[in-house]
PDB file of N, CA and C in Angstrom:
ATOM      1  N   UNK A   1     181.405  98.787  66.484  1.00  0.00           N
ATOM      2  CA  UNK A   1     181.069  97.946  65.346  1.00  0.00           C
ATOM      3  C   UNK A   1     180.196  98.700  64.354  1.00  0.00           C
ATOM      4  N   UNK A   2     179.258  99.493  64.839  1.00  0.00           N
ATOM      5  CA  UNK A   2     178.393 100.205  63.909  1.00  0.00           C
ATOM      6  C   UNK A   2     179.170 101.248  63.121  1.00  0.00           C
ATOM      7  N   UNK A   3     180.243 101.795  63.716  1.00  0.00           N
ATOM      8  CA  UNK A   3     181.063 102.768  62.989  1.00  0.00           C
ATOM      9  C   UNK A   3     181.759 102.105  61.798  1.00  0.00           C
ATOM     10  N   UNK A   4     182.247 100.901  61.986  1.00  0.00           N
ATOM     11  CA  UNK A   4     182.878 100.185  60.877  1.00  0.00           C
ATOM     12  C   UNK A   4     181.876  99.919  59.766  1.00  0.00           C
ATOM     13  N   UNK A   5     180.674  99.522  60.145  1.00  0.00           N
ATOM     14  CA  UNK A   5     179.641  99.240  59.149  1.00  0.00           C
ATOM     15  C   UNK A   5     179.285 100.525  58.396  1.00  0.00           C
ATOM     16  N   UNK A   6     179.170 101.634  59.122  1.00  0.00           N
ATOM     17  CA  UNK A   6     178.841 102.914  58.485  1.00  0.00           C
ATOM     18  C   UNK A   6     179.940 103.312  57.510  1.00  0.00           C
ATOM     19  N   UNK A   7     181.190 103.158  57.929  1.00  0.00           N
ATOM     20  CA  UNK A   7     182.312 103.510  57.051  1.00  0.00           C
ATOM     21  C   UNK A   7     182.326 102.631  55.806  1.00  0.00           C
ATOM     22  N   UNK A   8     182.053 101.343  55.974  1.00  0.00           N
ATOM     23  CA  UNK A   8     182.023 100.437  54.829  1.00  0.00           C
ATOM     24  C   UNK A   8     180.919 100.827  53.846  1.00  0.00           C
ATOM     25  N   UNK A   9     179.752 101.205  54.362  1.00  0.00           N
ATOM     26  CA  UNK A   9     178.639 101.603  53.495  1.00  0.00           C
ATOM     27  C   UNK A   9     178.955 102.910  52.767  1.00  0.00           C
ATOM     28  N   UNK A  10     179.619 103.847  53.452  1.00  0.00           N
ATOM     29  CA  UNK A  10     180.021 105.093  52.789  1.00  0.00           C
ATOM     30  C   UNK A  10     181.012 104.809  51.673  1.00  0.00           C
ATOM     31  N   UNK A  11     181.944 103.903  51.915  1.00  0.00           N
ATOM     32  CA  UNK A  11     182.922 103.550  50.883  1.00  0.00           C
ATOM     33  C   UNK A  11     182.227 102.911  49.679  1.00  0.00           C
ATOM     34  N   UNK A  12     181.233 102.073  49.925  1.00  0.00           N
ATOM     35  CA  UNK A  12     180.485 101.455  48.831  1.00  0.00           C
ATOM     36  C   UNK A  12     179.757 102.506  48.010  1.00  0.00           C
ATOM     37  N   UNK A  13     179.157 103.491  48.669  1.00  0.00           N
ATOM     38  CA  UNK A  13     178.442 104.549  47.953  1.00  0.00           C
ATOM     39  C   UNK A  13     179.408 105.353  47.085  1.00  0.00           C
ATOM     40  N   UNK A  14     180.598 105.642  47.603  1.00  0.00           N
ATOM     41  CA  UNK A  14     181.584 106.400  46.842  1.00  0.00           C
ATOM     42  C   UNK A  14     182.020 105.621  45.597  1.00  0.00           C
ATOM     43  N   UNK A  15     182.185 104.315  45.729  1.00  0.00           N
ATOM     44  CA  UNK A  15     182.585 103.493  44.582  1.00  0.00           C
ATOM     45  C   UNK A  15     181.518 103.544  43.494  1.00  0.00           C
ATOM     46  N   UNK A  16     180.263 103.473  43.864  1.00  0.00           N
ATOM     47  CA  UNK A  16     179.188 103.475  42.873  1.00  0.00           C
ATOM     48  C   UNK A  16     179.044 104.833  42.205  1.00  0.00           C
ATOM     49  N   UNK A  17     179.304 105.899  42.922  1.00  0.00           N
ATOM     50  CA  UNK A  17     179.170 107.238  42.338  1.00  0.00           C
ATOM     51  C   UNK A  17     180.201 107.468  41.250  1.00  0.00           C
ATOM     52  N   UNK A  18     181.412 106.969  41.425  1.00  0.00           N
ATOM     53  CA  UNK A  18     182.493 107.255  40.486  1.00  0.00           C
ATOM     54  C   UNK A  18     182.304 106.564  39.139  1.00  0.00           C
ATOM     55  N   UNK A  19     181.459 105.546  39.070  1.00  0.00           N
ATOM     56  CA  UNK A  19     181.302 104.806  37.822  1.00  0.00           C
ATOM     57  C   UNK A  19     180.651 105.658  36.742  1.00  0.00           C
ATOM     58  N   UNK A  20     179.745 106.541  37.098  1.00  0.00           N
ATOM     59  CA  UNK A  20     179.020 107.307  36.085  1.00  0.00           C
ATOM     60  C   UNK A  20     179.406 108.778  36.122  1.00  0.00           C
ATOM     61  N   UNK A  21     180.692 109.045  36.283  1.00  0.00           N
ATOM     62  CA  UNK A  21     181.156 110.430  36.272  1.00  0.00           C
ATOM     63  C   UNK A  21     181.244 110.932  34.833  1.00  0.00           C
ATOM     64  N   UNK A  22     180.355 111.830  34.462  1.00  0.00           N
ATOM     65  CA  UNK A  22     180.380 112.441  33.138  1.00  0.00           C
ATOM     66  C   UNK A  22     180.651 113.923  33.352  1.00  0.00           C
ATOM     67  N   UNK A  23     181.650 114.432  32.643  1.00  0.00           N
ATOM     68  CA  UNK A  23     182.015 115.829  32.846  1.00  0.00           C
ATOM     69  C   UNK A  23     180.920 116.742  32.316  1.00  0.00           C
ATOM     70  N   UNK A  24     180.918 117.947  32.804  1.00  0.00           N
ATOM     71  CA  UNK A  24     179.908 118.930  32.396  1.00  0.00           C
ATOM     72  C   UNK A  24     180.001 119.206  30.901  1.00  0.00           C
ATOM     73  N   UNK A  25     181.233 119.260  30.385  1.00  0.00           N
ATOM     74  CA  UNK A  25     181.440 119.508  28.957  1.00  0.00           C
ATOM     75  C   UNK A  25     180.813 118.393  28.117  1.00  0.00           C
ATOM     76  N   UNK A  26     181.000 117.144  28.526  1.00  0.00           N
ATOM     77  CA  UNK A  26     180.432 116.017  27.783  1.00  0.00           C
ATOM     78  C   UNK A  26     178.904 116.039  27.814  1.00  0.00           C
ATOM     79  N   UNK A  27     178.325 116.436  28.950  1.00  0.00           N
ATOM     80  CA  UNK A  27     176.869 116.517  29.028  1.00  0.00           C
ATOM     81  C   UNK A  27     176.339 117.566  28.073  1.00  0.00           C
ATOM     82  N   UNK A  28     176.996 118.736  28.016  1.00  0.00           N
ATOM     83  CA  UNK A  28     176.555 119.812  27.125  1.00  0.00           C
ATOM     84  C   UNK A  28     176.670 119.369  25.668  1.00  0.00           C
ATOM     85  N   UNK A  29     177.772 118.711  25.325  1.00  0.00           N
ATOM     86  CA  UNK A  29     177.949 118.235  23.949  1.00  0.00           C
ATOM     87  C   UNK A  29     176.868 117.218  23.594  1.00  0.00           C
ATOM     88  N   UNK A  30     176.551 116.336  24.509  1.00  0.00           N
ATOM     89  CA  UNK A  30     175.515 115.333  24.262  1.00  0.00           C
ATOM     90  C   UNK A  30     174.149 115.957  24.057  1.00  0.00           C
ATOM     91  N   UNK A  31     173.792 116.921  24.898  1.00  0.00           N
ATOM     92  CA  UNK A  31     172.494 117.578  24.769  1.00  0.00           C
ATOM     93  C   UNK A  31     172.419 118.352  23.458  1.00  0.00           C
ATOM     94  N   UNK A  32     173.494 119.053  23.096  1.00  0.00           N
ATOM     95  CA  UNK A  32     173.511 119.783  21.826  1.00  0.00           C
ATOM     96  C   UNK A  32     173.388 118.831  20.643  1.00  0.00           C
ATOM     97  N   UNK A  33     174.040 117.687  20.711  1.00  0.00           N
ATOM     98  CA  UNK A  33     173.954 116.709  19.618  1.00  0.00           C
ATOM     99  C   UNK A  33     172.519 116.208  19.466  1.00  0.00           C
ATOM    100  N   UNK A  34     171.834 115.938  20.574  1.00  0.00           N
ATOM    101  CA  UNK A  34     170.443 115.481  20.516  1.00  0.00           C
ATOM    102  C   UNK A  34     169.555 116.553  19.908  1.00  0.00           C
ATOM    103  N   UNK A  35     169.750 117.806  20.322  1.00  0.00           N
ATOM    104  CA  UNK A  35     168.935 118.903  19.794  1.00  0.00           C
ATOM    105  C   UNK A  35     169.168 119.068  18.295  1.00  0.00           C
ATOM    106  N   UNK A  36     170.425 118.995  17.846  1.00  0.00           N
ATOM    107  CA  UNK A  36     170.724 119.143  16.425  1.00  0.00           C
ATOM    108  C   UNK A  36     170.079 118.017  15.616  1.00  0.00           C
ATOM    109  N   UNK A  37     170.145 116.786  16.119  1.00  0.00           N
ATOM    110  CA  UNK A  37     169.540 115.661  15.409  1.00  0.00           C
ATOM    111  C   UNK A  37     168.029 115.849  15.309  1.00  0.00           C
ATOM    112  N   UNK A  38     167.390 116.289  16.386  1.00  0.00           N
ATOM    113  CA  UNK A  38     165.939 116.507  16.348  1.00  0.00           C
ATOM    114  C   UNK A  38     165.577 117.630  15.376  1.00  0.00           C
ATOM    115  N   UNK A  39     166.353 118.715  15.370  1.00  0.00           N
ATOM    116  CA  UNK A  39     166.090 119.809  14.437  1.00  0.00           C
ATOM    117  C   UNK A  39     166.254 119.351  12.995  1.00  0.00           C
ATOM    118  N   UNK A  40     167.306 118.609  12.699  1.00  0.00           N
ATOM    119  CA  UNK A  40     167.514 118.128  11.340  1.00  0.00           C
ATOM    120  C   UNK A  40     166.381 117.197  10.908  1.00  0.00           C
ATOM    121  N   UNK A  41     165.911 116.367  11.809  1.00  0.00           N
ATOM    122  CA  UNK A  41     164.787 115.484  11.492  1.00  0.00           C
ATOM    123  C   UNK A  41     163.518 116.265  11.219  1.00  0.00           C
ATOM    124  N   UNK A  42     163.282 117.295  12.009  1.00  0.00           N
ATOM    125  CA  UNK A  42     162.096 118.130  11.809  1.00  0.00           C
ATOM    126  C   UNK A  42     162.160 118.861  10.473  1.00  0.00           C
ATOM    127  N   UNK A  43     163.324 119.434  10.164  1.00  0.00           N
ATOM    128  CA  UNK A  43     163.483 120.156   8.901  1.00  0.00           C
ATOM    129  C   UNK A  43     163.342 119.200   7.717  1.00  0.00           C
ATOM    130  N   UNK A  44     163.928 118.022   7.820  1.00  0.00           N
ATOM    131  CA  UNK A  44     163.827 117.044   6.730  1.00  0.00           C
ATOM    132  C   UNK A  44     162.375 116.618   6.526  1.00  0.00           C
ATOM    133  N   UNK A  45     161.651 116.392   7.602  1.00  0.00           N
ATOM    134  CA  UNK A  45     160.239 116.028   7.487  1.00  0.00           C
ATOM    135  C   UNK A  45     159.414 117.141   6.889  1.00  0.00           C
ATOM    136  N   UNK A  46     159.717 118.364   7.235  1.00  0.00           N
ATOM    137  CA  UNK A  46     159.002 119.528   6.703  1.00  0.00           C
ATOM    138  C   UNK A  46     159.221 119.645   5.199  1.00  0.00           C
ATOM    139  N   UNK A  47     160.473 119.547   4.764  1.00  0.00           N
ATOM    140  CA  UNK A  47     160.753 119.632   3.330  1.00  0.00           C
ATOM    141  C   UNK A  47     160.173 118.449   2.571  1.00  0.00           C
ATOM    142  N   UNK A  48     160.178 117.273   3.183  1.00  0.00           N
ATOM    143  CA  UNK A  48     159.598 116.101   2.537  1.00  0.00           C
ATOM    144  C   UNK A  48     158.105 116.292   2.327  1.00  0.00           C
ATOM    145  N   UNK A  49     157.428 116.833   3.336  1.00  0.00           N
ATOM    146  CA  UNK A  49     155.985 117.038   3.198  1.00  0.00           C
ATOM    147  C   UNK A  49     155.696 118.147   2.176  1.00  0.00           C
ATOM    148  N   UNK A  50     156.557 119.147   2.063  1.00  0.00           N
ATOM    149  CA  UNK A  50     156.370 120.192   1.054  1.00  0.00           C
ATOM    150  C   UNK A  50     156.576 119.641  -0.348  1.00  0.00           C
ATOM    151  N   UNK A  51     157.554 118.759  -0.502  1.00  0.00           N
ATOM    152  CA  UNK A  51     157.822 118.218  -1.842  1.00  0.00           C
ATOM    153  C   UNK A  51     156.704 117.274  -2.293  1.00  0.00           C
ATOM    154  N   UNK A  52     156.024 116.626  -1.359  1.00  0.00           N
ATOM    155  CA  UNK A  52     154.914 115.736  -1.716  1.00  0.00           C
ATOM    156  C   UNK A  52     153.616 116.495  -1.935  1.00  0.00           C
ATOM    157  N   UNK A  53     153.528 117.726  -1.478  1.00  0.00           N
ATOM    158  CA  UNK A  53     152.284 118.491  -1.575  1.00  0.00           C
ATOM    159  C   UNK A  53     152.050 118.985  -3.009  1.00  0.00           C
ATOM    160  N   UNK A  54     153.089 119.043  -3.815  1.00  0.00           N
ATOM    161  CA  UNK A  54     152.939 119.570  -5.183  1.00  0.00           C
ATOM    162  C   UNK A  54     152.239 118.656  -6.068  1.00  0.00           C
TER     163      UNK A  54
END
């Protein structure tokens, strides 16, 4: 009986793992997109502060 319970719990864990499968390529694209957005925000803030300093 405990073997059946163990097998059922393993099957449940496998089902939950598959829901959030994100490929390595998608993760890299997401991280690069976040970095680009942060850089653009920093550059825009820098130029904005320079234009107000005059």
